[in-house]
């Protein structure tokens, strides 16, 4: 399984821009309503840096931008994921996606203490990382992330800002989980441009 980081991030940025209004609507039900703005603006900054001479390979830039410049709860969490993916790809361009996703999941869980079932981005990231570790491919990982993200609609939030709103967000998927699912959809689409996880 190989994929180049910069095209994945470009495809991801396009998908996030297209899904911006829906991500905002989901976050308005469970958080501050700024998730779509933060994710889109962060990726816009990442792409601007990638267009500059001497830019890094992609996820190292994304990790730094999201850790240092993107606000909200999600910015640092996505920054941790991107940083771990960058580190793994530096060490192993071919097999780094699986190791990076697993390391990113571990880092996010150390910081946020979320588990599968808590209605967070972990519900999408954990099954995707598991599929990559099994070697089933990017499409399988993307489908697992999408399924995990959609399943959060039936969960009561136990971590993150959504845990404060009780049942108000019930019936709608967690925006952070959907944001992670969009990332894996973009990863699969770099291998098969016609791939879609049908997230929205």
N, C-alpha and C. Protein backbone atom coordinates (compact mmCIF):
# COMPACT_ATOMS: atom_id res chain seq x y z
N UNK A 1 0.85 -1.19 0.00
CA UNK A 1 0.00 0.00 0.00
C UNK A 1 0.88 1.24 0.00
N UNK A 2 0.85 1.97 -1.09
CA UNK A 2 1.62 3.19 -1.16
C UNK A 2 0.72 4.33 -1.63
N UNK A 3 0.99 5.50 -1.13
CA UNK A 3 0.30 6.71 -1.57
C UNK A 3 1.18 7.88 -1.16
N UNK A 4 1.24 8.88 -2.02
CA UNK A 4 2.08 10.05 -1.75
C UNK A 4 1.29 11.04 -0.92
N UNK A 5 1.95 11.61 0.08
CA UNK A 5 1.26 12.43 1.07
C UNK A 5 0.58 13.66 0.47
N UNK A 6 1.29 14.42 -0.35
CA UNK A 6 0.73 15.68 -0.84
C UNK A 6 -0.57 15.49 -1.62
N UNK A 7 -0.65 14.51 -2.55
CA UNK A 7 -1.94 14.31 -3.23
C UNK A 7 -3.07 13.91 -2.29
N UNK A 8 -2.75 13.15 -1.24
CA UNK A 8 -3.78 12.79 -0.27
C UNK A 8 -4.32 14.04 0.41
N UNK A 9 -3.42 14.92 0.82
CA UNK A 9 -3.84 16.14 1.51
C UNK A 9 -4.62 17.08 0.57
N UNK A 10 -4.23 17.11 -0.69
CA UNK A 10 -4.97 17.96 -1.64
C UNK A 10 -6.38 17.42 -1.85
N UNK A 11 -6.49 16.12 -2.00
CA UNK A 11 -7.82 15.51 -2.16
C UNK A 11 -8.64 15.70 -0.87
N UNK A 12 -8.00 15.58 0.26
CA UNK A 12 -8.67 15.78 1.54
C UNK A 12 -9.20 17.20 1.66
N UNK A 13 -8.36 18.17 1.30
CA UNK A 13 -8.79 19.57 1.38
C UNK A 13 -9.99 19.83 0.48
N UNK A 14 -10.01 19.25 -0.70
CA UNK A 14 -11.15 19.40 -1.59
C UNK A 14 -12.42 18.81 -0.98
N UNK A 15 -12.28 17.63 -0.38
CA UNK A 15 -13.44 16.97 0.22
C UNK A 15 -13.98 17.75 1.42
N UNK A 16 -13.07 18.27 2.22
CA UNK A 16 -13.47 19.05 3.39
C UNK A 16 -14.17 20.34 2.95
N UNK A 17 -13.64 20.99 1.92
CA UNK A 17 -14.28 22.21 1.42
C UNK A 17 -15.70 21.91 0.93
N UNK A 18 -15.86 20.78 0.24
CA UNK A 18 -17.18 20.41 -0.27
C UNK A 18 -18.14 20.06 0.86
N UNK A 19 -17.60 19.50 1.94
CA UNK A 19 -18.44 19.07 3.07
C UNK A 19 -18.52 20.12 4.18
N UNK A 20 -17.98 21.29 3.93
CA UNK A 20 -17.87 22.31 4.99
C UNK A 20 -19.20 22.61 5.66
N UNK A 21 -20.22 22.85 4.87
CA UNK A 21 -21.52 23.23 5.45
C UNK A 21 -22.09 22.11 6.31
N UNK A 22 -21.94 20.87 5.86
CA UNK A 22 -22.46 19.75 6.62
C UNK A 22 -21.66 19.54 7.90
N UNK A 23 -20.35 19.68 7.84
CA UNK A 23 -19.51 19.57 9.04
C UNK A 23 -19.88 20.65 10.05
N UNK A 24 -20.16 21.84 9.55
CA UNK A 24 -20.57 22.94 10.43
C UNK A 24 -21.91 22.62 11.09
N UNK A 25 -22.85 22.12 10.30
CA UNK A 25 -24.17 21.77 10.84
C UNK A 25 -24.05 20.72 11.93
N UNK A 26 -23.22 19.71 11.71
CA UNK A 26 -23.04 18.66 12.70
C UNK A 26 -22.43 19.22 13.98
N UNK A 27 -21.47 20.11 13.82
CA UNK A 27 -20.80 20.66 15.01
C UNK A 27 -21.68 21.65 15.75
N UNK A 28 -22.59 22.28 15.05
CA UNK A 28 -23.53 23.18 15.74
C UNK A 28 -24.43 22.41 16.70
N UNK A 29 -24.64 21.13 16.40
CA UNK A 29 -25.48 20.30 17.27
C UNK A 29 -24.73 19.76 18.46
N UNK A 30 -23.41 19.69 18.35
CA UNK A 30 -22.64 19.02 19.42
C UNK A 30 -21.48 19.83 19.97
N UNK A 31 -21.19 20.98 19.38
CA UNK A 31 -20.04 21.75 19.83
C UNK A 31 -20.22 23.23 19.56
N UNK A 32 -19.12 23.89 19.20
CA UNK A 32 -19.14 25.33 18.98
C UNK A 32 -19.55 25.71 17.57
N UNK A 33 -19.64 24.75 16.69
CA UNK A 33 -20.00 25.04 15.31
C UNK A 33 -18.84 25.50 14.45
N UNK A 34 -17.62 25.39 14.98
CA UNK A 34 -16.47 25.90 14.23
C UNK A 34 -15.60 24.80 13.61
N UNK A 35 -16.03 23.55 13.72
CA UNK A 35 -15.18 22.46 13.24
C UNK A 35 -14.92 22.57 11.74
N UNK A 36 -15.97 22.80 10.96
CA UNK A 36 -15.79 22.92 9.52
C UNK A 36 -14.85 24.05 9.16
N UNK A 37 -15.01 25.19 9.82
CA UNK A 37 -14.12 26.33 9.56
C UNK A 37 -12.68 25.99 9.90
N UNK A 38 -12.47 25.38 11.07
CA UNK A 38 -11.11 25.08 11.51
C UNK A 38 -10.43 24.07 10.60
N UNK A 39 -11.15 23.02 10.23
CA UNK A 39 -10.55 22.00 9.38
C UNK A 39 -10.25 22.56 7.99
N UNK A 40 -11.19 23.30 7.44
CA UNK A 40 -10.98 23.86 6.10
C UNK A 40 -9.85 24.88 6.09
N UNK A 41 -9.84 25.79 7.05
CA UNK A 41 -8.80 26.83 7.05
C UNK A 41 -7.43 26.22 7.33
N UNK A 42 -7.37 25.20 8.20
CA UNK A 42 -6.10 24.54 8.48
C UNK A 42 -5.53 23.89 7.23
N UNK A 43 -6.38 23.20 6.49
CA UNK A 43 -5.91 22.54 5.28
C UNK A 43 -5.55 23.54 4.20
N UNK A 44 -6.24 24.68 4.14
CA UNK A 44 -5.88 25.73 3.20
C UNK A 44 -4.47 26.23 3.50
N UNK A 45 -4.15 26.41 4.77
CA UNK A 45 -2.80 26.85 5.15
C UNK A 45 -1.77 25.79 4.81
N UNK A 46 -2.12 24.54 5.02
CA UNK A 46 -1.19 23.45 4.69
C UNK A 46 -0.87 23.46 3.20
N UNK A 47 -1.89 23.56 2.37
CA UNK A 47 -1.66 23.55 0.92
C UNK A 47 -0.85 24.75 0.48
N UNK A 48 -1.09 25.90 1.11
CA UNK A 48 -0.31 27.09 0.76
C UNK A 48 1.18 26.86 1.05
N UNK A 49 1.47 26.22 2.16
CA UNK A 49 2.87 25.93 2.50
C UNK A 49 3.47 24.88 1.57
N UNK A 50 2.66 23.90 1.19
CA UNK A 50 3.17 22.86 0.30
C UNK A 50 3.54 23.41 -1.07
N UNK A 51 2.95 24.55 -1.45
CA UNK A 51 3.26 25.17 -2.73
C UNK A 51 4.54 25.99 -2.69
N UNK A 52 5.09 26.18 -1.51
CA UNK A 52 6.32 26.95 -1.37
C UNK A 52 7.54 26.07 -1.62
N UNK A 53 8.62 26.65 -2.17
CA UNK A 53 9.85 25.88 -2.38
C UNK A 53 10.39 25.32 -1.07
N UNK A 54 10.85 24.08 -1.12
CA UNK A 54 11.46 23.47 0.05
C UNK A 54 10.48 22.99 1.10
N UNK A 55 9.20 22.93 0.75
CA UNK A 55 8.20 22.45 1.71
C UNK A 55 8.44 20.97 2.03
N UNK A 56 7.97 20.55 3.16
CA UNK A 56 8.09 19.15 3.55
C UNK A 56 7.21 18.27 2.67
N UNK A 57 7.18 16.97 3.01
CA UNK A 57 6.44 16.04 2.15
C UNK A 57 4.94 16.14 2.30
N UNK A 58 4.44 16.77 3.31
CA UNK A 58 3.00 16.95 3.43
C UNK A 58 2.49 16.84 4.85
N UNK A 59 2.56 15.65 5.41
CA UNK A 59 1.98 15.46 6.73
C UNK A 59 2.83 16.08 7.83
N UNK A 60 4.13 16.28 7.57
CA UNK A 60 4.92 17.01 8.55
C UNK A 60 4.45 18.47 8.61
N UNK A 61 4.16 19.05 7.45
CA UNK A 61 3.61 20.41 7.40
C UNK A 61 2.23 20.44 8.05
N UNK A 62 1.38 19.46 7.73
CA UNK A 62 0.03 19.41 8.29
C UNK A 62 0.07 19.29 9.81
N UNK A 63 0.97 18.44 10.31
CA UNK A 63 1.08 18.27 11.75
C UNK A 63 1.44 19.57 12.44
N UNK A 64 2.42 20.27 11.91
CA UNK A 64 2.85 21.52 12.54
C UNK A 64 1.75 22.58 12.47
N UNK A 65 1.12 22.72 11.31
CA UNK A 65 0.07 23.73 11.16
C UNK A 65 -1.09 23.46 12.12
N UNK A 66 -1.53 22.23 12.20
CA UNK A 66 -2.68 21.93 13.05
C UNK A 66 -2.33 22.01 14.53
N UNK A 67 -1.12 21.65 14.90
CA UNK A 67 -0.72 21.76 16.31
C UNK A 67 -0.52 23.21 16.73
N UNK A 68 0.01 24.03 15.83
CA UNK A 68 0.41 25.39 16.21
C UNK A 68 -0.59 26.47 15.85
N UNK A 69 -1.42 26.22 14.81
CA UNK A 69 -2.20 27.33 14.26
C UNK A 69 -3.71 27.10 14.24
N UNK A 70 -4.14 25.87 14.39
CA UNK A 70 -5.57 25.59 14.27
C UNK A 70 -6.19 25.48 15.66
N UNK A 71 -7.24 26.22 15.88
CA UNK A 71 -7.86 26.26 17.19
C UNK A 71 -8.86 25.15 17.40
N UNK A 72 -9.63 25.29 18.46
CA UNK A 72 -10.63 24.30 18.80
C UNK A 72 -10.01 23.06 19.40
N UNK A 73 -10.87 22.16 19.82
CA UNK A 73 -10.40 20.89 20.37
C UNK A 73 -9.77 20.02 19.30
N UNK A 74 -10.31 20.10 18.10
CA UNK A 74 -9.89 19.18 17.05
C UNK A 74 -8.52 19.51 16.47
N UNK A 75 -8.13 20.77 16.46
CA UNK A 75 -6.87 21.15 15.84
C UNK A 75 -5.68 20.35 16.36
N UNK A 76 -5.44 20.36 17.67
CA UNK A 76 -4.32 19.59 18.20
C UNK A 76 -4.46 18.08 17.99
N UNK A 77 -5.68 17.57 18.05
CA UNK A 77 -5.87 16.13 17.87
C UNK A 77 -5.53 15.71 16.44
N UNK A 78 -6.02 16.46 15.47
CA UNK A 78 -5.64 16.18 14.09
C UNK A 78 -4.15 16.41 13.89
N UNK A 79 -3.60 17.40 14.58
CA UNK A 79 -2.17 17.64 14.49
C UNK A 79 -1.36 16.46 14.97
N UNK A 80 -1.80 15.83 16.04
CA UNK A 80 -1.12 14.63 16.53
C UNK A 80 -1.17 13.51 15.51
N UNK A 81 -2.34 13.30 14.92
CA UNK A 81 -2.49 12.26 13.90
C UNK A 81 -1.57 12.52 12.71
N UNK A 82 -1.58 13.76 12.22
CA UNK A 82 -0.75 14.09 11.06
C UNK A 82 0.74 13.94 11.39
N UNK A 83 1.12 14.33 12.58
CA UNK A 83 2.53 14.23 12.98
C UNK A 83 2.98 12.79 13.02
N UNK A 84 2.15 11.91 13.56
CA UNK A 84 2.53 10.49 13.64
C UNK A 84 2.55 9.85 12.25
N UNK A 85 1.65 10.24 11.38
CA UNK A 85 1.68 9.74 10.01
C UNK A 85 2.96 10.20 9.32
N UNK A 86 3.32 11.47 9.52
CA UNK A 86 4.54 12.00 8.91
C UNK A 86 5.76 11.23 9.39
N UNK A 87 5.83 10.98 10.67
CA UNK A 87 6.99 10.26 11.23
C UNK A 87 7.07 8.85 10.64
N UNK A 88 5.94 8.19 10.55
CA UNK A 88 5.93 6.82 10.03
C UNK A 88 6.28 6.78 8.55
N UNK A 89 5.79 7.75 7.77
CA UNK A 89 6.10 7.78 6.35
C UNK A 89 7.57 8.11 6.11
N UNK A 90 8.16 8.92 6.98
CA UNK A 90 9.59 9.20 6.87
C UNK A 90 10.41 7.93 7.05
N UNK A 91 9.96 7.09 7.97
CA UNK A 91 10.70 5.86 8.27
C UNK A 91 10.41 4.76 7.26
N UNK A 92 9.19 4.73 6.74
CA UNK A 92 8.79 3.65 5.84
C UNK A 92 7.72 4.16 4.87
N UNK A 93 8.14 4.73 3.74
CA UNK A 93 7.16 5.30 2.80
C UNK A 93 6.11 4.29 2.33
N UNK A 94 6.44 3.02 2.28
CA UNK A 94 5.48 2.03 1.82
C UNK A 94 4.50 1.59 2.90
N UNK A 95 5.01 1.23 4.06
CA UNK A 95 4.16 0.71 5.12
C UNK A 95 3.82 1.70 6.21
N UNK A 96 4.18 2.95 6.01
CA UNK A 96 4.02 3.95 7.06
C UNK A 96 2.60 4.33 7.38
N UNK A 97 1.69 4.14 6.42
CA UNK A 97 0.30 4.54 6.69
C UNK A 97 -0.29 3.76 7.85
N UNK A 98 -0.07 2.46 7.87
CA UNK A 98 -0.61 1.64 8.96
C UNK A 98 0.01 2.02 10.29
N UNK A 99 1.33 2.15 10.31
CA UNK A 99 2.01 2.49 11.56
C UNK A 99 1.66 3.90 12.01
N UNK A 100 1.54 4.81 11.05
CA UNK A 100 1.20 6.18 11.40
C UNK A 100 -0.20 6.32 11.97
N UNK A 101 -1.15 5.63 11.36
CA UNK A 101 -2.53 5.69 11.87
C UNK A 101 -2.61 5.10 13.26
N UNK A 102 -1.91 3.99 13.48
CA UNK A 102 -1.93 3.35 14.81
C UNK A 102 -1.27 4.24 15.85
N UNK A 103 -0.14 4.85 15.49
CA UNK A 103 0.55 5.73 16.43
C UNK A 103 -0.27 7.00 16.69
N UNK A 104 -0.93 7.51 15.65
CA UNK A 104 -1.79 8.67 15.84
C UNK A 104 -2.95 8.37 16.75
N UNK A 105 -3.55 7.19 16.58
CA UNK A 105 -4.64 6.77 17.46
C UNK A 105 -4.16 6.70 18.91
N UNK A 106 -2.99 6.10 19.11
CA UNK A 106 -2.46 5.98 20.48
C UNK A 106 -2.20 7.35 21.09
N UNK A 107 -1.64 8.27 20.30
CA UNK A 107 -1.35 9.62 20.81
C UNK A 107 -2.63 10.36 21.18
N UNK A 108 -3.63 10.26 20.32
CA UNK A 108 -4.91 10.93 20.59
C UNK A 108 -5.58 10.35 21.84
N UNK A 109 -5.50 9.04 22.00
CA UNK A 109 -6.11 8.43 23.17
C UNK A 109 -5.35 8.77 24.45
N UNK A 110 -4.04 8.95 24.35
CA UNK A 110 -3.29 9.38 25.54
C UNK A 110 -3.72 10.77 25.98
N UNK A 111 -3.94 11.65 25.02
CA UNK A 111 -4.30 13.03 25.34
C UNK A 111 -5.76 13.15 25.74
N UNK A 112 -6.64 12.55 24.94
CA UNK A 112 -8.07 12.73 25.16
C UNK A 112 -8.76 11.65 25.97
N UNK A 113 -8.07 10.52 26.16
CA UNK A 113 -8.59 9.39 26.94
C UNK A 113 -9.89 8.83 26.37
N UNK A 114 -10.12 9.03 25.09
CA UNK A 114 -11.35 8.51 24.48
C UNK A 114 -11.16 7.07 24.02
N UNK A 115 -12.22 6.32 24.10
CA UNK A 115 -12.26 4.94 23.62
C UNK A 115 -13.33 4.82 22.54
N UNK A 116 -13.27 3.74 21.80
CA UNK A 116 -14.34 3.46 20.84
C UNK A 116 -15.67 3.38 21.60
N UNK A 117 -16.66 4.06 21.08
CA UNK A 117 -17.96 4.10 21.75
C UNK A 117 -18.22 5.39 22.50
N UNK A 118 -17.20 6.25 22.60
CA UNK A 118 -17.36 7.53 23.31
C UNK A 118 -17.88 8.65 22.42
N UNK A 119 -18.14 8.34 21.15
CA UNK A 119 -18.65 9.32 20.18
C UNK A 119 -17.62 10.43 19.93
N UNK A 120 -16.46 10.02 19.47
CA UNK A 120 -15.40 10.96 19.11
C UNK A 120 -14.78 10.50 17.80
N UNK A 121 -13.77 11.21 17.36
CA UNK A 121 -13.06 10.82 16.14
C UNK A 121 -12.40 9.45 16.27
N UNK A 122 -12.19 8.98 17.50
CA UNK A 122 -11.62 7.65 17.72
C UNK A 122 -12.50 6.57 17.11
N UNK A 123 -13.81 6.81 17.07
CA UNK A 123 -14.73 5.80 16.52
C UNK A 123 -14.51 5.58 15.04
N UNK A 124 -13.96 6.54 14.33
CA UNK A 124 -13.61 6.37 12.92
C UNK A 124 -12.16 5.94 12.75
N UNK A 125 -11.28 6.51 13.58
CA UNK A 125 -9.85 6.25 13.41
C UNK A 125 -9.46 4.83 13.81
N UNK A 126 -10.02 4.32 14.90
CA UNK A 126 -9.64 2.99 15.38
C UNK A 126 -9.93 1.89 14.35
N UNK A 127 -11.13 1.81 13.79
CA UNK A 127 -11.37 0.75 12.81
C UNK A 127 -10.56 0.93 11.53
N UNK A 128 -10.32 2.17 11.13
CA UNK A 128 -9.49 2.40 9.94
C UNK A 128 -8.06 1.94 10.18
N UNK A 129 -7.52 2.28 11.34
CA UNK A 129 -6.16 1.86 11.67
C UNK A 129 -6.06 0.34 11.73
N UNK A 130 -7.10 -0.30 12.26
CA UNK A 130 -7.10 -1.77 12.35
C UNK A 130 -7.08 -2.40 10.96
N UNK A 131 -7.83 -1.83 10.03
CA UNK A 131 -7.84 -2.37 8.66
C UNK A 131 -6.47 -2.19 8.00
N UNK A 132 -5.85 -1.05 8.21
CA UNK A 132 -4.52 -0.84 7.63
C UNK A 132 -3.50 -1.81 8.22
N UNK A 133 -3.61 -2.05 9.52
CA UNK A 133 -2.68 -2.99 10.16
C UNK A 133 -2.89 -4.42 9.65
N UNK A 134 -4.14 -4.74 9.31
CA UNK A 134 -4.42 -6.07 8.75
C UNK A 134 -3.98 -6.18 7.29
N UNK A 135 -3.66 -5.05 6.68
CA UNK A 135 -3.21 -5.07 5.30
C UNK A 135 -4.31 -5.24 4.29
N UNK A 136 -5.54 -4.86 4.66
CA UNK A 136 -6.67 -5.07 3.76
C UNK A 136 -6.81 -3.96 2.72
N UNK A 137 -6.04 -2.89 2.86
CA UNK A 137 -6.02 -1.86 1.84
C UNK A 137 -6.69 -0.56 2.25
N UNK A 138 -6.43 0.46 1.44
CA UNK A 138 -6.95 1.79 1.74
C UNK A 138 -8.47 1.85 1.64
N UNK A 139 -9.04 1.18 0.66
CA UNK A 139 -10.50 1.23 0.50
C UNK A 139 -11.20 0.60 1.71
N UNK A 140 -10.66 -0.51 2.19
CA UNK A 140 -11.25 -1.16 3.37
C UNK A 140 -11.13 -0.25 4.59
N UNK A 141 -10.00 0.42 4.71
CA UNK A 141 -9.82 1.35 5.83
C UNK A 141 -10.81 2.51 5.74
N UNK A 142 -11.00 3.03 4.53
CA UNK A 142 -11.94 4.14 4.34
C UNK A 142 -13.37 3.72 4.65
N UNK A 143 -13.74 2.51 4.21
CA UNK A 143 -15.10 2.03 4.51
C UNK A 143 -15.29 1.82 6.01
N UNK A 144 -14.26 1.31 6.68
CA UNK A 144 -14.34 1.10 8.12
C UNK A 144 -14.46 2.44 8.86
N UNK A 145 -13.70 3.43 8.41
CA UNK A 145 -13.79 4.76 9.02
C UNK A 145 -15.17 5.35 8.81
N UNK A 146 -15.71 5.20 7.61
CA UNK A 146 -17.05 5.74 7.32
C UNK A 146 -18.11 5.06 8.17
N UNK A 147 -18.01 3.74 8.30
CA UNK A 147 -18.98 3.00 9.11
C UNK A 147 -18.88 3.42 10.58
N UNK A 148 -17.66 3.56 11.07
CA UNK A 148 -17.47 3.99 12.45
C UNK A 148 -17.99 5.38 12.69
N UNK A 149 -17.76 6.28 11.72
CA UNK A 149 -18.24 7.66 11.85
C UNK A 149 -19.75 7.71 11.85
N UNK A 150 -20.37 7.00 10.92
CA UNK A 150 -21.85 7.01 10.86
C UNK A 150 -22.46 6.42 12.13
N UNK A 151 -21.80 5.43 12.71
CA UNK A 151 -22.33 4.77 13.90
C UNK A 151 -22.36 5.70 15.11
N UNK A 152 -21.58 6.78 15.08
CA UNK A 152 -21.59 7.70 16.23
C UNK A 152 -22.93 8.39 16.39
N UNK A 153 -23.74 8.38 15.34
CA UNK A 153 -25.06 9.02 15.44
C UNK A 153 -25.93 8.36 16.51
N UNK A 154 -25.64 7.10 16.81
CA UNK A 154 -26.45 6.37 17.79
C UNK A 154 -25.82 6.35 19.18
N UNK A 155 -24.73 7.08 19.34
CA UNK A 155 -24.00 7.05 20.61
C UNK A 155 -24.23 8.33 21.40
N UNK A 156 -24.18 8.21 22.70
CA UNK A 156 -24.17 9.38 23.58
C UNK A 156 -22.72 9.73 23.86
N UNK A 157 -22.38 10.99 23.67
CA UNK A 157 -21.00 11.43 23.84
C UNK A 157 -20.55 11.32 25.29
N UNK A 158 -19.38 10.74 25.49
CA UNK A 158 -18.81 10.64 26.83
C UNK A 158 -17.49 11.39 26.95
N UNK A 159 -17.00 11.91 25.84
CA UNK A 159 -15.77 12.70 25.84
C UNK A 159 -15.96 13.91 24.94
N UNK A 160 -15.15 14.91 25.15
CA UNK A 160 -15.18 16.08 24.29
C UNK A 160 -16.34 17.00 24.61
N UNK A 161 -16.42 18.07 23.82
CA UNK A 161 -17.45 19.08 24.07
C UNK A 161 -18.86 18.53 23.92
N UNK A 162 -19.03 17.57 23.03
CA UNK A 162 -20.36 17.01 22.81
C UNK A 162 -20.93 16.34 24.05
N UNK A 163 -20.05 15.96 24.99
CA UNK A 163 -20.54 15.30 26.20
C UNK A 163 -21.36 16.24 27.07
N UNK A 164 -21.26 17.55 26.81
CA UNK A 164 -22.00 18.53 27.61
C UNK A 164 -23.41 18.78 27.10
N UNK A 165 -23.73 18.30 25.90
CA UNK A 165 -25.02 18.64 25.32
C UNK A 165 -26.05 17.52 25.44
N UNK A 166 -25.66 16.44 26.08
CA UNK A 166 -26.60 15.36 26.34
C UNK A 166 -27.13 14.74 25.07
N UNK A 167 -28.46 14.64 24.98
CA UNK A 167 -29.10 13.96 23.87
C UNK A 167 -29.28 14.85 22.63
N UNK A 168 -28.86 16.11 22.71
CA UNK A 168 -29.15 17.04 21.62
C UNK A 168 -28.55 16.59 20.29
N UNK A 169 -27.38 15.94 20.36
CA UNK A 169 -26.70 15.54 19.12
C UNK A 169 -27.10 14.14 18.67
N UNK A 170 -27.95 13.46 19.41
CA UNK A 170 -28.34 12.10 19.05
C UNK A 170 -29.01 12.10 17.68
N UNK A 171 -28.63 11.13 16.86
CA UNK A 171 -29.16 11.03 15.51
C UNK A 171 -28.27 11.64 14.45
N UNK A 172 -27.26 12.40 14.89
CA UNK A 172 -26.31 13.01 13.96
C UNK A 172 -24.91 12.46 14.25
N UNK A 173 -24.13 12.16 13.23
CA UNK A 173 -22.78 11.66 13.48
C UNK A 173 -21.86 12.73 14.04
N UNK A 174 -20.83 12.29 14.73
CA UNK A 174 -19.85 13.20 15.31
C UNK A 174 -19.04 13.87 14.20
N UNK A 175 -18.91 15.20 14.22
CA UNK A 175 -18.19 15.87 13.13
C UNK A 175 -16.71 15.48 13.06
N UNK A 176 -16.06 15.30 14.20
CA UNK A 176 -14.66 14.90 14.18
C UNK A 176 -14.47 13.54 13.55
N UNK A 177 -15.37 12.62 13.85
CA UNK A 177 -15.30 11.29 13.24
C UNK A 177 -15.51 11.38 11.73
N UNK A 178 -16.42 12.25 11.31
CA UNK A 178 -16.64 12.43 9.88
C UNK A 178 -15.41 13.05 9.22
N UNK A 179 -14.74 13.95 9.93
CA UNK A 179 -13.52 14.55 9.40
C UNK A 179 -12.43 13.51 9.20
N UNK A 180 -12.31 12.57 10.13
CA UNK A 180 -11.34 11.49 9.99
C UNK A 180 -11.73 10.59 8.83
N UNK A 181 -13.02 10.29 8.71
CA UNK A 181 -13.48 9.43 7.61
C UNK A 181 -13.19 10.07 6.26
N UNK A 182 -13.32 11.38 6.17
CA UNK A 182 -12.98 12.08 4.93
C UNK A 182 -11.50 11.93 4.59
N UNK A 183 -10.64 11.91 5.62
CA UNK A 183 -9.21 11.72 5.39
C UNK A 183 -8.94 10.36 4.76
N UNK A 184 -9.54 9.32 5.30
CA UNK A 184 -9.31 7.98 4.76
C UNK A 184 -9.97 7.79 3.40
N UNK A 185 -11.08 8.48 3.18
CA UNK A 185 -11.68 8.46 1.85
C UNK A 185 -10.71 9.08 0.84
N UNK A 186 -10.06 10.18 1.22
CA UNK A 186 -9.09 10.82 0.34
C UNK A 186 -7.90 9.91 0.09
N UNK A 187 -7.48 9.19 1.11
CA UNK A 187 -6.37 8.25 0.95
C UNK A 187 -6.74 7.16 -0.05
N UNK A 188 -7.92 6.60 0.08
CA UNK A 188 -8.36 5.55 -0.85
C UNK A 188 -8.52 6.09 -2.26
N UNK A 189 -8.95 7.34 -2.36
CA UNK A 189 -9.19 7.93 -3.68
C UNK A 189 -7.90 8.23 -4.44
N UNK A 190 -6.77 8.33 -3.74
CA UNK A 190 -5.51 8.51 -4.45
C UNK A 190 -5.10 7.22 -5.16
N UNK A 191 -5.60 6.10 -4.68
CA UNK A 191 -5.33 4.81 -5.30
C UNK A 191 -6.37 4.50 -6.37
N UNK A 192 -7.61 4.89 -6.11
CA UNK A 192 -8.71 4.69 -7.05
C UNK A 192 -9.53 5.98 -7.10
N UNK A 193 -9.30 6.83 -8.10
CA UNK A 193 -9.95 8.14 -8.15
C UNK A 193 -11.48 8.09 -8.10
N UNK A 194 -12.06 6.96 -8.45
CA UNK A 194 -13.52 6.85 -8.44
C UNK A 194 -14.07 6.39 -7.09
N UNK A 195 -13.17 6.15 -6.12
CA UNK A 195 -13.65 5.65 -4.84
C UNK A 195 -14.44 6.72 -4.08
N UNK A 196 -15.50 6.30 -3.44
CA UNK A 196 -16.26 7.17 -2.55
C UNK A 196 -16.82 6.33 -1.42
N UNK A 197 -16.71 6.85 -0.20
CA UNK A 197 -17.28 6.17 0.95
C UNK A 197 -18.73 6.62 1.19
N UNK A 198 -19.22 7.51 0.34
CA UNK A 198 -20.60 7.98 0.43
C UNK A 198 -20.91 8.53 1.82
N UNK A 199 -20.06 9.43 2.27
CA UNK A 199 -20.21 9.97 3.62
C UNK A 199 -21.38 10.95 3.73
N UNK A 200 -21.60 11.74 2.70
CA UNK A 200 -22.65 12.75 2.77
C UNK A 200 -23.60 12.59 1.58
